[in-house]
Structure formats: structure tokens, C-alpha cells
Amino acid sequence: MTGWRSQWRLVLLNSLTCGLEICVAAGITYVPPLLLEAGVEEQYMTMVLGIGPVLGLLFIPLIGSASDHCNSSYGRRRPFIWLLSLGVLLALLIIPHADVLAANLSWGSTRRNQALQVGLLILGVGLLDFCGQVCFTPLEALLSDLYRERDDCGQAFAMFSFMVSFGGCVGYLLPALDWSGGLLSFYLGGQAECLFSVLILIFVVSVLVTMKVSEEPTSTLEPGPLEPGRCFPRSCCYLFQCKLRTLKSGPLMCLLRTCWSMTPAIYRSYCHVPHVMRQLCLAQLCSWMGVMSFMLFYTDFVGEGLYEGVPSAAPGTALRQRYDEGIRMGSLGLFLQCATSTFFSLVMSRLVRLFGSRTVYLSSMVCFTVSALVICLSKSVLLVTAMSALTGFAYATLQTLPYTLTCHYHKEKEVYMQNSKTKKTHTNGFTITRDSVCLTLDNGPGDLNHKSGVSNGHAHYNKDKPEYYPPLHNQNGLESEDFEKRGVGLDFAILDSTFLLSQVFPTFFMGMIVQFTESVTAYIASSAIFGAIGIYFATHIIFDQKDLRN
């Protein structure tokens, strides 16, 4: 996949990825002040921000697997992208106008007005975070469907990571601009209204561009042959049957029917994960927990730990000014992290070709862990900011390599997705598993060549007297064909669940850790510890067939 046309098509295809990240980053950044102004206490505000990730953990596997089995005439992935995008658009409309909607629906009651405003804000925040995060799963699966070759898939997800990082940069910068003094505020009404109007415009354009460029294979409805004397092609009966058949194959009905029928099987598949995916998800979870612990609390660490400010101090005091200055410097560090991630996303394919996936993954996590340790020990603002920028390497890697590896696993399912828990039969000193195996003795009894083959579930010697062994079953009653039926959307959903879980854990437990240690340095120290654990599990990831033999 070379040439500027292919690269430009990738940019257009990932425009919704960029638009989603812009809206989520800008919206979630601007939401806390709106919640505080509406009267939500700070301790409950963090719980509100955790609604989206928790809902995502519950529904991402359902949506990911349902998109694998959807047979809509609009394609497999696009119906889910459309509906989740509609949820994001609805949230972008609710959040800035929650006060106006509450005033119109409260019928003059002040108490009801405030409660309704808080409820609408919570609905908007939860809808934006949930739909925005979950929508990435069918987008990733769409990329996997369109680019199946390993090199093409690597370039596609490198561009995906680039657009996410670029969208994060734009999303963090938009709320920092003063929209109240411009011409838009005269027509729209204020800072929040102008910002969210710009976000709506960006999002709508990005949705239309991606839906126009993505050419998903569609299933056309062809009516069956008519029996003589039943109905003519132009009869009302025939038209009604065609309309009913079209309605049943529509995106919404397909989504609801697939989700309803497959929910138990999806969550069973969610529990019975192939060995290669289990190893990858463990490393991904620990790595994301390190990165997200850093990103969520880095600005607070700089404000309190590095600048020694106090967030609860009165406005205008020296302690509060130092804290605010630290917050600005911390925001600059996160912006540099996004910029570094954007750069590494552009060169990720080249790095993988030069050094290999294993070296790139491990080096990125080592770089992140060392950077976090330096930040813990240093008091230099310049050094800490430089180290925070280096963490963007790990951010770009975690958004690219796990997904290209998952595509590779699914492309060669017969190699990577075989069930490892099979009963074994020992015959003549050889171990025969349920896998179809052909054993050929070429140069004598000591020379054994192994190759995978298809022999109807039997294993045999390719000699004059082939011996027959009946097919074996898994100890759990699940055959390895269950893994062959797994769609890539479900495994992408599992990877995305590790990202969401990495946000939930710090939200609930990091505050207690800081309270116990009485130091905000515990934020960065915890991220370094998670990074080290992620390095350990990354050494067990199956990057190629050599790792399977080892």
C-alpha cells in the first residue's frame, strides 16, 4: 500500500477517528467546570466522569461481537458507527444547552430546574464518553476488514494512531481558546455554546467523510423465485414482502436482533479467550494502567508536587497562583506528549520494519517507565516536561501494535487460535493432539518434520501404514473451532476494554493511595510500577510463530 492516494484515503477513512478524539478530549476537558457551576460536588464529579468507561466495559464486547455477525445491507460495521455517532451528536447538543433545556422543562420550579440541569449534564457526559469510546471498536474493525495484509494493516493502524494523537492535540487546544470575544459568540451566546458548535461541525463533517470513503461489502437482498399463481411481481403482496424484508435487514433491526440473540454466546466467548489474546490483553492492561495513571494525574502532580501549590487555597493567593501555574505547565507536558505520539505514529511502520514489533513494543514501555521514574526523582521543570513528552512513544505504540497483532492472529487462525487445552494421546513416543497433524519421516526415525494440515480431525503418519486417531475434544467441552468462529470485532472489543478498565481503576483507587502516602508523587510512582509490570507481561506476548514454539 504505497502512494499518496492510498495515504490520503487512509486519512479520510480515519477522519471520524480524529473527530471523535477531538470531541471527547475537548468535551470532557470542558465538562468539569460546567458540573461544578451546576452545583455538583467535586467528589461526585469524578464518579460522573467514570460512568462512560463503566458502561463501555459492559457493552463493548456486545457491540464488537454483534458487528462481526451483523448482515445488514449497509455493511457489518457502519450501522454501529452511525448509531454511536448519533449518540455523540446528541451529547454535544445536550451539554452546552442543559440549563436552557432544564428551564423549559422545569415549569418555573427553581429546585426542579437545578436538579434537571444536573441530570441533563450527567446524561450528556455519560453519553459522550460512552458513545465516543465505544465507537472506536467498530472503526478499528472496519480498518481490519478493509486492510487484511499485515503490512497494510500496520500502516492503517499507524494512521489510526496518528489521527487519534492529532485529534487529542486539537481537542486539548480548543477549550483554551477564548471564544467569547469572537463573532460566533454574538450569535450563539457564549464560550460553551461556541465551543460545542465548532465541535458539532467538526464531528458531522468527519462522520460524512468516513462514511463516504469506507466501501464496506454489502449484502443485497434478492427476492426468491415466485411460485406460479401466487403473486405477480407488481402485486401488493410482493411489495409488502419486499418492504418487510428490507425493514428486517435495516441497520437498527439488525443491531437489535443480533445483540438480543447473541448476548449469552458473546459473553461466553468473552470469558474463553485464546491464549495469544490473553497474553496480549494482560500486557495491554498493565501498560495502559501505567499510561492512564500518568495522564489522568500528571497535571495535579505538577501543580502540587513540583510547584508546591495548593488547589484549595483562596484565589489570588501565592499558593493558588503556583498551583495554577503548575496546571498550565502540566497541560503543556500533555500537549507535548500528544505531539510526540503523533510523530511516532507517523514512523511506526518504519520502526516495525527496521527493528520488529517485539523490540518496538518493549522499548516504548521501557522508555515510559524510565521517564516516569525520572519525573518522580527530579525537581527540574524542564527535565520533567521533557520526560512527559517522551511518554508519547508508549501512547502511540499501545494504539497501534496490539491491533496489528490481533489482525495477524485472525489472518492465521489455524496457527494462533488453536485451543491449547486439548487432551493428548501418546502413541509410539509421539504426542498427538486434536490439531490435524501430518508427521512425515523423511530421513530416518530421528528426523521428524511437522506441518499443519487438514485431515478431517485425524492425525496420521504419511507412510505406508497410516495410523488413525479419532478427533479429540477439549477438556472444557469447547472445541478449537469455537476460536475459528471468533470475529476480529470481539477481540478488538476486549483490547478496548483494557483501555477502559485502565481508566476505572485509577479513578477508584489512586485517591486512597495518595491519601495513604500523603504525597502526589504516588501518582507517577504508581504509573512507573504499572509500566514495569507491563514490560514483564510484554515479554510473553506472541509476536510471531517463533514465540509459539518457545
Foldseek 3Di string as FASTA:
>chain_A
DDDPVVVVLLLLLLLLLLLLLLLLLQVVVPLVVVLVVLPDDPLVVLVLLLLQLVVLLVCLLLLLQLLVVFAFQLFSLVLLLVVLLVLLLVLLVQQVCLLVVLVVPVVPDPVSSSVSSNVSSSSSSNSSSNSSLSSVLSSLQLLCQVQQDLLSQLLSLLSSLLSSLVSNLNNLVLLVDAPCPDPVCVVQPHSSRVSSVVSSVSNVVSSVSNSVSRDHDGDDDDDDDDDPPPDDCPDPVNVVVVVVVNVCSHSVNSSVVSSVVCVVVSVVCVVVDFPLLVLLLQLLLLLLLLVLLCLVCVLVCQLCPQLVADCPDDPPDPRNVSSVVSSVLSSLLVSLLSVLLSVCSVCVSVCCVVPNLLVQQLVLLVLLLVLLVCLLPDNDSVSNSVSSNSNSSNSNSSSRVVSSQLSVCLVPVLQRQAHPQFDWDADPNDTDTQFAWEWEDDPDPVDIDIDGDDDPRWYFYPDPDTDTDHHTAGPVRDGSVVSNPRRSSSSSSSSSSSNSVSNVVCSVPVVVVCVVVVHSSVSSVSSSVSSVVSSVSSVLNCRDSVSVVD
